[in-house]
C-alpha atoms as a PDB file:
ATOM      1  CA  MET A   1     -27.974  20.205 -28.493  1.00  0.00           C
ATOM      2  CA  LYS A   2     -24.904  21.924 -27.151  1.00  0.00           C
ATOM      3  CA  THR A   3     -26.738  22.541 -23.848  1.00  0.00           C
ATOM      4  CA  LEU A   4     -27.707  18.842 -23.512  1.00  0.00           C
ATOM      5  CA  ARG A   5     -24.121  17.783 -24.095  1.00  0.00           C
ATOM      6  CA  LEU A   6     -22.927  20.271 -21.435  1.00  0.00           C
ATOM      7  CA  ILE A   7     -25.523  18.985 -18.938  1.00  0.00           C
ATOM      8  CA  GLY A   8     -24.575  15.383 -19.748  1.00  0.00           C
ATOM      9  CA  MET A   9     -20.872  16.112 -19.161  1.00  0.00           C
ATOM     10  CA  ALA A  10     -21.720  17.846 -15.858  1.00  0.00           C
ATOM     11  CA  ILE A  11     -23.726  14.800 -14.712  1.00  0.00           C
ATOM     12  CA  ILE A  12     -20.876  12.460 -15.659  1.00  0.00           C
ATOM     13  CA  ALA A  13     -18.405  14.688 -13.769  1.00  0.00           C
ATOM     14  CA  VAL A  14     -20.612  14.592 -10.654  1.00  0.00           C
ATOM     15  CA  ILE A  15     -20.987  10.807 -10.851  1.00  0.00           C
ATOM     16  CA  MET A  16     -17.234  10.347 -11.279  1.00  0.00           C
ATOM     17  CA  SER A  17     -16.427  12.581  -8.294  1.00  0.00           C
ATOM     18  CA  VAL A  18     -18.925  10.687  -6.113  1.00  0.00           C
ATOM     19  CA  ASN A  19     -17.322   7.416  -7.180  1.00  0.00           C
ATOM     20  CA  PHE A  20     -13.861   8.666  -6.252  1.00  0.00           C
ATOM     21  CA  VAL A  21     -15.058   9.787  -2.829  1.00  0.00           C
ATOM     22  CA  ALA A  22     -16.867   6.465  -2.300  1.00  0.00           C
ATOM     23  CA  CYS A  23     -13.755   4.487  -3.193  1.00  0.00           C
ATOM     24  CA  ASP A  24     -12.127   5.400   0.114  1.00  0.00           C
ATOM     25  CA  ASP A  25     -10.134   2.679   1.833  1.00  0.00           C
ATOM     26  CA  ASP A  26     -12.577   0.471   3.734  1.00  0.00           C
ATOM     27  CA  ASP A  27     -10.108  -0.796   6.348  1.00  0.00           C
ATOM     28  CA  GLU A  28     -11.484  -2.312   9.513  1.00  0.00           C
ATOM     29  CA  ASP A  29     -11.869  -0.148  12.597  1.00  0.00           C
ATOM     30  CA  SER A  30      -8.370   0.709  13.860  1.00  0.00           C
ATOM     31  CA  ASN A  31      -9.414  -0.357  17.395  1.00  0.00           C
ATOM     32  CA  THR A  32     -10.101  -3.915  16.234  1.00  0.00           C
ATOM     33  CA  ILE A  33      -7.265  -6.427  16.337  1.00  0.00           C
ATOM     34  CA  ASP A  34      -6.914  -9.993  15.129  1.00  0.00           C
ATOM     35  CA  THR A  35      -6.779 -11.801  18.463  1.00  0.00           C
ATOM     36  CA  SER A  36      -5.790 -15.093  16.833  1.00  0.00           C
ATOM     37  CA  SER A  37      -2.189 -13.801  16.856  1.00  0.00           C
ATOM     38  CA  LEU A  38      -2.176 -12.814  20.543  1.00  0.00           C
ATOM     39  CA  GLU A  39      -1.610 -16.234  22.114  1.00  0.00           C
ATOM     40  CA  GLY A  40       1.967 -17.446  22.333  1.00  0.00           C
ATOM     41  CA  THR A  41       5.412 -16.730  23.726  1.00  0.00           C
ATOM     42  CA  TRP A  42       6.754 -13.230  23.164  1.00  0.00           C
ATOM     43  CA  GLY A  43      10.359 -12.103  23.774  1.00  0.00           C
ATOM     44  CA  LEU A  44      11.102  -8.501  24.735  1.00  0.00           C
ATOM     45  CA  VAL A  45      13.234  -6.685  22.124  1.00  0.00           C
ATOM     46  CA  ARG A  46      12.740  -3.034  23.170  1.00  0.00           C
ATOM     47  CA  SER A  47      11.455  -1.063  26.145  1.00  0.00           C
ATOM     48  CA  ALA A  48      11.185   2.732  26.139  1.00  0.00           C
ATOM     49  CA  GLY A  49       9.385   5.233  28.320  1.00  0.00           C
ATOM     50  CA  TRP A  50       9.368   6.924  31.698  1.00  0.00           C
ATOM     51  CA  GLU A  51       8.328   6.407  35.295  1.00  0.00           C
ATOM     52  CA  PHE A  52       8.012   8.888  38.117  1.00  0.00           C
ATOM     53  CA  CYS A  53       7.680   8.425  41.869  1.00  0.00           C
ATOM     54  CA  THR A  54       7.345  11.203  44.410  1.00  0.00           C
ATOM     55  CA  ASP A  55      10.065   9.376  46.396  1.00  0.00           C
ATOM     56  CA  ASN A  56      12.649  10.319  43.712  1.00  0.00           C
ATOM     57  CA  ILE A  57      15.228  12.422  45.522  1.00  0.00           C
ATOM     58  CA  ASP A  58      16.045  14.556  42.485  1.00  0.00           C
ATOM     59  CA  GLY A  59      12.377  14.957  41.495  1.00  0.00           C
ATOM     60  CA  GLU A  60      13.117  13.790  37.941  1.00  0.00           C
ATOM     61  CA  LYS A  61      11.439  11.185  35.772  1.00  0.00           C
ATOM     62  CA  ASN A  62      13.329   7.953  35.224  1.00  0.00           C
ATOM     63  CA  THR A  63      13.556   7.565  31.430  1.00  0.00           C
ATOM     64  CA  TRP A  64      14.949   4.710  29.361  1.00  0.00           C
ATOM     65  CA  ASP A  65      15.177   3.289  25.850  1.00  0.00           C
ATOM     66  CA  LYS A  66      16.757  -0.168  25.841  1.00  0.00           C
ATOM     67  CA  THR A  67      16.982  -3.009  23.359  1.00  0.00           C
ATOM     68  CA  TYR A  68      17.210  -6.705  24.173  1.00  0.00           C
ATOM     69  CA  ASP A  69      17.890 -10.008  22.462  1.00  0.00           C
ATOM     70  CA  PRO A  70      15.580 -12.686  23.906  1.00  0.00           C
ATOM     71  CA  TYR A  71      17.773 -15.447  22.409  1.00  0.00           C
ATOM     72  CA  ASN A  72      21.161 -14.267  23.754  1.00  0.00           C
ATOM     73  CA  PRO A  73      21.907 -16.223  26.946  1.00  0.00           C
ATOM     74  CA  ASN A  74      24.706 -13.807  27.947  1.00  0.00           C
ATOM     75  CA  THR A  75      22.349 -10.882  28.547  1.00  0.00           C
ATOM     76  CA  TYR A  76      19.232 -10.032  30.505  1.00  0.00           C
ATOM     77  CA  ARG A  77      16.117 -11.469  28.836  1.00  0.00           C
ATOM     78  CA  GLU A  78      12.400 -11.137  29.407  1.00  0.00           C
ATOM     79  CA  LYS A  79       9.423 -12.911  27.859  1.00  0.00           C
ATOM     80  CA  LEU A  80       5.724 -13.259  28.386  1.00  0.00           C
ATOM     81  CA  VAL A  81       3.429 -16.182  27.674  1.00  0.00           C
ATOM     82  CA  ILE A  82      -0.152 -15.340  26.716  1.00  0.00           C
ATOM     83  CA  LYS A  83      -2.887 -17.998  26.822  1.00  0.00           C
ATOM     84  CA  LYS A  84      -6.557 -17.577  26.001  1.00  0.00           C
ATOM     85  CA  LEU A  85      -8.843 -18.589  28.888  1.00  0.00           C
ATOM     86  CA  THR A  86     -12.266 -17.569  27.516  1.00  0.00           C
ATOM     87  CA  ASP A  87     -13.562 -15.507  24.594  1.00  0.00           C
ATOM     88  CA  ASN A  88     -11.900 -12.285  25.731  1.00  0.00           C
ATOM     89  CA  THR A  89      -9.948 -13.283  28.869  1.00  0.00           C
ATOM     90  CA  TYR A  90      -6.234 -14.095  28.766  1.00  0.00           C
ATOM     91  CA  SER A  91      -3.581 -15.322  31.170  1.00  0.00           C
ATOM     92  CA  ILE A  92      -0.332 -13.346  30.910  1.00  0.00           C
ATOM     93  CA  VAL A  93       2.716 -14.790  32.697  1.00  0.00           C
ATOM     94  CA  TYR A  94       6.018 -12.891  32.865  1.00  0.00           C
ATOM     95  CA  TYR A  95       9.465 -14.552  32.880  1.00  0.00           C
ATOM     96  CA  GLU A  96      12.986 -13.175  33.365  1.00  0.00           C
ATOM     97  CA  CYS A  97      16.378 -14.682  32.740  1.00  0.00           C
ATOM     98  CA  GLU A  98      19.712 -13.332  33.961  1.00  0.00           C
ATOM     99  CA  HIS A  99      22.994 -14.183  32.227  1.00  0.00           C
ATOM    100  CA  ASN A 100      23.006 -17.910  31.409  1.00  0.00           C
ATOM    101  CA  SER A 101      20.437 -18.832  34.042  1.00  0.00           C
ATOM    102  CA  ASN A 102      17.094 -20.543  33.537  1.00  0.00           C
ATOM    103  CA  TRP A 103      13.861 -18.692  32.892  1.00  0.00           C
ATOM    104  CA  GLN A 104      12.191 -17.740  36.182  1.00  0.00           C
ATOM    105  CA  GLU A 105       8.509 -16.852  36.480  1.00  0.00           C
ATOM    106  CA  ASN A 106       8.169 -13.248  37.629  1.00  0.00           C
ATOM    107  CA  GLY A 107       4.432 -12.922  38.186  1.00  0.00           C
ATOM    108  CA  GLY A 108       1.361 -13.028  36.087  1.00  0.00           C
ATOM    109  CA  GLN A 109      -2.018 -11.462  35.552  1.00  0.00           C
ATOM    110  CA  THR A 110      -5.390 -12.152  34.039  1.00  0.00           C
ATOM    111  CA  GLY A 111      -6.547  -9.614  31.507  1.00  0.00           C
ATOM    112  CA  THR A 112      -9.769  -8.941  29.670  1.00  0.00           C
ATOM    113  CA  LEU A 113      -9.457  -7.838  26.058  1.00  0.00           C
ATOM    114  CA  ASN A 114     -11.727  -4.926  25.158  1.00  0.00           C
ATOM    115  CA  GLY A 115     -11.069  -3.743  21.588  1.00  0.00           C
ATOM    116  CA  ASN A 116      -7.318  -3.148  21.540  1.00  0.00           C
ATOM    117  CA  THR A 117      -7.009  -2.690  25.322  1.00  0.00           C
ATOM    118  CA  ILE A 118      -6.112  -5.362  27.874  1.00  0.00           C
ATOM    119  CA  VAL A 119      -7.596  -4.484  31.265  1.00  0.00           C
ATOM    120  CA  TYR A 120      -5.828  -6.425  34.001  1.00  0.00           C
ATOM    121  CA  LYS A 121      -7.681  -7.866  36.964  1.00  0.00           C
ATOM    122  CA  GLU A 122      -7.876  -5.529  39.950  1.00  0.00           C
ATOM    123  CA  GLN A 123      -4.880  -5.720  42.286  1.00  0.00           C
ATOM    124  CA  ASP A 124      -4.757  -3.735  45.522  1.00  0.00           C
ATOM    125  CA  GLY A 125      -7.653  -1.540  44.431  1.00  0.00           C
ATOM    126  CA  GLN A 126      -5.908  -0.520  41.190  1.00  0.00           C
ATOM    127  CA  TYR A 127      -6.776  -1.401  37.603  1.00  0.00           C
ATOM    128  CA  ASP A 128      -3.888  -1.471  35.148  1.00  0.00           C
ATOM    129  CA  TYR A 129      -4.229  -1.699  31.408  1.00  0.00           C
ATOM    130  CA  ALA A 130      -2.123  -2.047  28.287  1.00  0.00           C
ATOM    131  CA  ILE A 131      -2.994  -0.803  24.819  1.00  0.00           C
ATOM    132  CA  ILE A 132      -2.080  -3.107  21.950  1.00  0.00           C
ATOM    133  CA  GLU A 133      -0.535  -0.696  19.453  1.00  0.00           C
ATOM    134  CA  THR A 134       0.642  -3.372  17.013  1.00  0.00           C
ATOM    135  CA  LEU A 135      -0.190  -7.062  16.695  1.00  0.00           C
ATOM    136  CA  THR A 136       0.992  -9.221  13.813  1.00  0.00           C
ATOM    137  CA  ALA A 137       2.012 -12.854  13.603  1.00  0.00           C
ATOM    138  CA  GLU A 138       5.579 -11.874  14.592  1.00  0.00           C
ATOM    139  CA  LYS A 139       5.327  -8.547  16.478  1.00  0.00           C
ATOM    140  CA  LEU A 140       3.484  -7.291  19.565  1.00  0.00           C
ATOM    141  CA  VAL A 141       3.737  -3.711  20.827  1.00  0.00           C
ATOM    142  CA  LEU A 142       2.127  -2.889  24.191  1.00  0.00           C
ATOM    143  CA  ARG A 143       1.792   0.600  25.643  1.00  0.00           C
ATOM    144  CA  ASN A 144       1.395   0.741  29.402  1.00  0.00           C
ATOM    145  CA  LYS A 145       0.179   3.808  31.276  1.00  0.00           C
ATOM    146  CA  TYR A 146      -0.461   4.041  34.972  1.00  0.00           C
ATOM    147  CA  ASN A 147      -1.065   6.537  37.728  1.00  0.00           C
ATOM    148  CA  ILE A 148      -1.100   5.005  41.200  1.00  0.00           C
ATOM    149  CA  LEU A 149      -2.133   7.185  44.094  1.00  0.00           C
ATOM    150  CA  ALA A 150      -1.123   6.165  47.593  1.00  0.00           C
ATOM    151  CA  ASN A 151      -3.595   5.694  50.414  1.00  0.00           C
ATOM    152  CA  PRO A 152      -4.683   9.209  51.493  1.00  0.00           C
ATOM    153  CA  ASP A 153      -5.727   7.842  54.909  1.00  0.00           C
ATOM    154  CA  LEU A 154      -2.097   7.145  55.812  1.00  0.00           C
ATOM    155  CA  PRO A 155      -0.268  10.347  56.876  1.00  0.00           C
ATOM    156  CA  ASN A 156       3.036   9.357  55.262  1.00  0.00           C
ATOM    157  CA  ASP A 157       1.353   8.401  51.969  1.00  0.00           C
ATOM    158  CA  ALA A 158      -0.999  11.380  51.511  1.00  0.00           C
ATOM    159  CA  ASN A 159       1.105  12.991  48.733  1.00  0.00           C
ATOM    160  CA  HIS A 160       2.777   9.840  47.418  1.00  0.00           C
ATOM    161  CA  TYR A 161       2.128   8.564  43.890  1.00  0.00           C
ATOM    162  CA  HIS A 162       3.688   6.665  41.004  1.00  0.00           C
ATOM    163  CA  ASN A 163       2.995   7.196  37.325  1.00  0.00           C
ATOM    164  CA  GLY A 164       4.500   6.116  34.057  1.00  0.00           C
ATOM    165  CA  ASP A 165       4.096   5.652  30.341  1.00  0.00           C
ATOM    166  CA  TYR A 166       6.164   3.110  28.451  1.00  0.00           C
ATOM    167  CA  THR A 167       6.069   0.963  25.327  1.00  0.00           C
ATOM    168  CA  GLU A 168       7.373  -2.588  25.093  1.00  0.00           C
ATOM    169  CA  THR A 169       8.030  -4.298  21.772  1.00  0.00           C
ATOM    170  CA  TYR A 170       8.050  -8.105  21.583  1.00  0.00           C
ATOM    171  CA  THR A 171       8.880 -10.648  18.928  1.00  0.00           C
ATOM    172  CA  ARG A 172       7.251 -14.066  18.735  1.00  0.00           C
ATOM    173  CA  MET A 173       9.670 -16.640  20.112  1.00  0.00           C
ATOM    174  CA  LYS A 174      10.174 -20.063  18.654  1.00  0.00           C
ATOM    175  CA  GLU A 175       9.585 -22.775  21.234  1.00  0.00           C
END
């Protein structure tokens, strides 16, 4: 009888440990984002990172970490407007505003959303992309990485390149 009780307790212990292991957090894949929050107007609140160009005289990376207030008309402001065009294609238009002036369009791109990555339409033979690190109803964080090689067929450009890695944090702007 004592042996049966010991075996029964061992079986219960095994079942309980399996249950604890099986009760792991079943969050969605971390590469999946809720795209319903992506559309809208987003104001830049922080930009941090680095860029490097072989033209830099001192040979150093240009680094920065700046904060912004997209609602303060007395400072530099930047925003982007994202609109859904098809299931996974978006229009992204950039705007800038200098001290008390009106918002001026500063270019735009079309991007295809693939998981948490926006791949921008080819421009001048280069593909750029941004990784959506955070997307909530009120916050968007984009990480941009690039490495642009110059045209090796041009003698002056053979060793010329640009690269960078920076993160931009946006807040949803009220219209």
